[in-house]
Amino acid sequence: MINTDKDELLIGLISDTHVPTRNDKVPDVILKDFKDRNVDYVFHMGDFCSIEIYEQLTELFGKDKVFAVIGNMDAGSSELKKILPETLELDLYGRKIFITHGTGGPSMIVRRLNKNHDLSKYEIIIFGHTHHPMNQINEKDGKLYLNPGTCTPIDGRLTVESSYGFLKISKDKVEPEIVYLE
C-alpha cells in the first residue's frame, strides 16, 4: 500500500482523461508537473478509456505508485475491469480517504456520493466523473470533497475548464490544490 514513512506526501490527482475518445493523450504539462514536483503517488479517478494510459502512468511513476479506480467509460475495457476496483479506501497519517469515480451530473454530486456510499468514517472524499473541479469542505459534514476535474479539451459543453490537482498530506495538514490548464 502507501508508505507514510515520510513526514508528508505529495499526491498527483488526475481523472477523466478519456484517451482516445476525447483526448489524444494525457497533456504533457500534467506529467511534467507531476515529475517536476516529484509526486510520491498518482491517483486516477477513472475514465481512462484505454489501458494504455494506466500503463503509461505506471511506467512513468511505478506500478506501486499509481492508485486508480474504474470509471463508467472504462466498462468496455476488459483489461481495466480486471485490475481496477470501483472504490479505494486509504488511511494516510490517520486520515481516512475514500476514492471513487462518481455518477450523475455535477449538481448535487456530494449528496449523490453520500447516498451511494457510507462516507461517515472518511475525512477526505476524492472523485471524478463530473468534469468539474471541486475543492471544498462541506458545511454539513465537515469533509473535504476533492475532484481534480478533467484534462480533456474545453468544449463548452462537457468540459468548461480543464484541470488536475495535488493533495499534500501529513499528520498535521491537508492541502488540496487544483491546477487549471489554459
Protein backbone atom coordinates (compact mmCIF):
# COMPACT_ATOMS: atom_id res chain seq x y z
CA MET A 1 0.00 0.00 0.00
CA ILE A 2 1.12 3.56 0.62
CA ASN A 3 4.29 4.19 2.56
CA THR A 4 3.92 7.00 5.10
CA ASP A 5 7.49 6.93 6.44
CA LYS A 6 8.00 10.47 5.13
CA ASP A 7 6.75 13.47 7.11
CA GLU A 8 4.37 14.35 4.28
CA LEU A 9 3.25 13.05 0.91
CA LEU A 10 2.50 14.86 -2.33
CA ILE A 11 -0.08 13.08 -4.47
CA GLY A 12 -0.83 13.99 -8.09
CA LEU A 13 -4.55 13.84 -8.90
CA ILE A 14 -5.99 13.21 -12.34
CA SER A 15 -9.33 11.98 -13.65
CA ASP A 16 -11.40 11.62 -16.77
CA THR A 17 -8.51 11.53 -19.23
CA HIS A 18 -10.74 9.97 -21.92
CA VAL A 19 -7.95 8.80 -24.24
CA PRO A 20 -8.53 8.31 -27.16
CA THR A 21 -12.21 9.29 -27.20
CA ARG A 22 -11.86 12.97 -26.13
CA ASN A 23 -8.10 13.43 -25.86
CA ASP A 24 -5.11 12.21 -27.88
CA LYS A 25 -3.01 11.76 -24.74
CA VAL A 26 -2.60 12.98 -21.19
CA PRO A 27 -1.30 16.53 -21.63
CA ASP A 28 2.49 16.63 -21.27
CA VAL A 29 2.23 19.63 -18.96
CA ILE A 30 0.49 17.48 -16.33
CA LEU A 31 3.02 14.65 -16.47
CA LYS A 32 5.87 17.19 -16.39
CA ASP A 33 4.34 18.97 -13.38
CA PHE A 34 3.96 15.63 -11.55
CA LYS A 35 7.62 14.84 -12.32
CA ASP A 36 8.92 18.35 -11.52
CA ARG A 37 7.11 18.39 -8.18
CA ASN A 38 8.37 14.86 -7.51
CA VAL A 39 4.97 13.43 -6.56
CA ASP A 40 5.08 10.45 -4.25
CA TYR A 41 1.94 8.88 -5.74
CA VAL A 42 -0.57 9.41 -8.55
CA PHE A 43 -4.30 8.87 -8.02
CA HIS A 44 -6.52 8.50 -11.12
CA MET A 45 -10.26 8.62 -10.51
CA GLY A 46 -11.34 6.71 -13.61
CA ASP A 47 -12.43 7.16 -17.20
CA PHE A 48 -9.05 6.30 -18.64
CA CYS A 49 -10.92 4.87 -21.68
CA SER A 50 -7.87 2.76 -22.57
CA ILE A 51 -5.44 0.53 -20.72
CA GLU A 52 -2.56 2.39 -22.39
CA ILE A 53 -3.00 5.43 -20.13
CA TYR A 54 -2.87 3.30 -16.99
CA GLU A 55 0.23 1.59 -18.37
CA GLN A 56 1.82 4.95 -19.22
CA LEU A 57 1.30 6.20 -15.67
CA THR A 58 2.71 3.02 -14.13
CA GLU A 59 5.74 3.17 -16.46
CA LEU A 60 6.42 6.81 -15.58
CA PHE A 61 5.79 6.66 -11.85
CA GLY A 62 5.97 2.96 -10.92
CA LYS A 63 3.27 0.34 -10.56
CA ASP A 64 3.30 0.67 -6.78
CA LYS A 65 2.89 4.46 -7.04
CA VAL A 66 -0.31 4.60 -9.13
CA PHE A 67 -3.67 4.08 -7.43
CA ALA A 68 -6.79 4.14 -9.58
CA VAL A 69 -10.47 3.27 -9.76
CA ILE A 70 -12.55 2.32 -12.76
CA GLY A 71 -14.90 4.86 -14.32
CA ASN A 72 -18.18 4.40 -16.18
CA MET A 73 -16.43 4.89 -19.54
CA ASP A 74 -13.92 2.15 -18.67
CA ALA A 75 -16.64 -0.51 -18.59
CA GLY A 76 -15.83 -1.57 -22.15
CA SER A 77 -12.21 -2.32 -21.31
CA SER A 78 -11.92 -5.87 -20.01
CA GLU A 79 -8.26 -5.20 -19.09
CA LEU A 80 -9.14 -2.25 -16.86
CA LYS A 81 -12.09 -4.09 -15.34
CA LYS A 82 -9.73 -6.91 -14.31
CA ILE A 83 -7.24 -4.68 -12.49
CA LEU A 84 -9.13 -1.64 -11.17
CA PRO A 85 -11.64 -1.55 -8.30
CA GLU A 86 -14.73 0.65 -8.16
CA THR A 87 -13.59 2.24 -4.91
CA LEU A 88 -10.46 2.54 -2.79
CA GLU A 89 -10.14 3.15 0.93
CA LEU A 90 -6.87 4.51 2.30
CA ASP A 91 -5.58 5.61 5.67
CA LEU A 92 -2.82 8.20 5.41
CA TYR A 93 -1.43 9.62 8.64
CA GLY A 94 -4.64 8.61 10.43
CA ARG A 95 -6.83 10.35 7.86
CA LYS A 96 -9.35 8.10 6.18
CA ILE A 97 -9.72 8.66 2.43
CA PHE A 98 -12.39 7.31 0.08
CA ILE A 99 -11.79 7.27 -3.68
CA THR A 100 -14.42 6.59 -6.34
CA HIS A 101 -15.29 7.73 -9.85
CA GLY A 102 -18.79 9.07 -9.14
CA THR A 103 -22.09 9.07 -11.00
CA GLY A 104 -24.52 11.60 -12.44
CA GLY A 105 -24.07 15.26 -13.25
CA PRO A 106 -22.19 17.89 -11.28
CA SER A 107 -25.19 19.30 -9.42
CA MET A 108 -25.81 17.56 -6.11
CA ILE A 109 -22.75 15.32 -6.55
CA VAL A 110 -21.92 15.47 -2.83
CA ARG A 111 -25.43 14.35 -1.95
CA ARG A 112 -25.24 11.54 -4.53
CA LEU A 113 -21.86 10.34 -3.23
CA ASN A 114 -23.30 10.15 0.28
CA LYS A 115 -26.42 8.35 -0.94
CA ASN A 116 -24.41 5.75 -2.88
CA HIS A 117 -21.69 5.19 -0.25
CA ASP A 118 -21.45 5.25 3.52
CA LEU A 119 -18.91 8.07 3.89
CA SER A 120 -19.38 8.54 7.63
CA LYS A 121 -15.90 7.29 8.56
CA TYR A 122 -13.97 9.27 5.92
CA GLU A 123 -12.37 12.70 6.22
CA ILE A 124 -11.46 13.09 2.53
CA ILE A 125 -13.53 12.01 -0.48
CA ILE A 126 -11.76 12.11 -3.85
CA PHE A 127 -13.78 11.55 -7.03
CA GLY A 128 -14.08 12.41 -10.72
CA HIS A 129 -16.81 11.92 -13.34
CA THR A 130 -18.36 15.40 -13.39
CA HIS A 131 -15.52 17.09 -15.36
CA HIS A 132 -15.89 19.96 -12.86
CA PRO A 133 -13.09 20.51 -10.35
CA MET A 134 -14.11 20.70 -6.71
CA ASN A 135 -12.07 21.57 -3.64
CA GLN A 136 -14.46 22.23 -0.80
CA ILE A 137 -15.12 21.46 2.82
CA ASN A 138 -18.78 20.53 3.04
CA GLU A 139 -20.66 22.67 5.58
CA LYS A 140 -22.92 19.82 6.67
CA ASP A 141 -20.39 17.08 7.37
CA GLY A 142 -17.03 18.90 7.53
CA LYS A 143 -15.46 16.55 4.97
CA LEU A 144 -13.15 17.56 2.14
CA TYR A 145 -14.66 16.76 -1.27
CA LEU A 146 -11.95 16.85 -3.92
CA ASN A 147 -12.32 16.39 -7.68
CA PRO A 148 -9.37 17.26 -9.93
CA GLY A 149 -11.72 17.76 -12.89
CA THR A 150 -10.79 16.59 -16.37
CA CYS A 151 -7.84 17.31 -18.62
CA THR A 152 -9.91 16.95 -21.80
CA PRO A 153 -10.07 19.91 -24.20
CA ILE A 154 -12.55 22.65 -23.33
CA ASP A 155 -15.65 22.26 -25.47
CA GLY A 156 -18.11 24.48 -23.57
CA ARG A 157 -20.41 21.50 -23.00
CA LEU A 158 -18.85 18.53 -21.18
CA THR A 159 -15.67 20.42 -20.32
CA VAL A 160 -15.87 24.09 -19.39
CA GLU A 161 -12.44 24.11 -17.74
CA SER A 162 -9.55 21.70 -17.94
CA SER A 163 -7.72 20.81 -14.73
CA TYR A 164 -5.85 18.38 -12.50
CA GLY A 165 -4.71 18.55 -8.90
CA PHE A 166 -2.47 17.77 -5.98
CA LEU A 167 -3.00 16.69 -2.41
CA LYS A 168 -0.27 17.38 0.12
CA ILE A 169 -0.98 15.42 3.27
CA SER A 170 0.71 14.84 6.62
CA LYS A 171 -0.19 14.23 10.25
CA ASP A 172 -0.73 17.94 10.73
CA LYS A 173 -2.22 19.20 7.49
CA VAL A 174 -4.22 18.54 4.36
CA GLU A 175 -3.51 20.90 1.45
CA PRO A 176 -5.51 20.29 -1.73
CA GLU A 177 -4.74 22.21 -4.91
CA ILE A 178 -6.50 22.45 -8.27
CA VAL A 179 -4.36 23.45 -11.25
CA TYR A 180 -6.15 24.89 -14.29
CA LEU A 181 -4.87 24.32 -17.83
CA GLU A 182 -5.05 27.13 -20.36
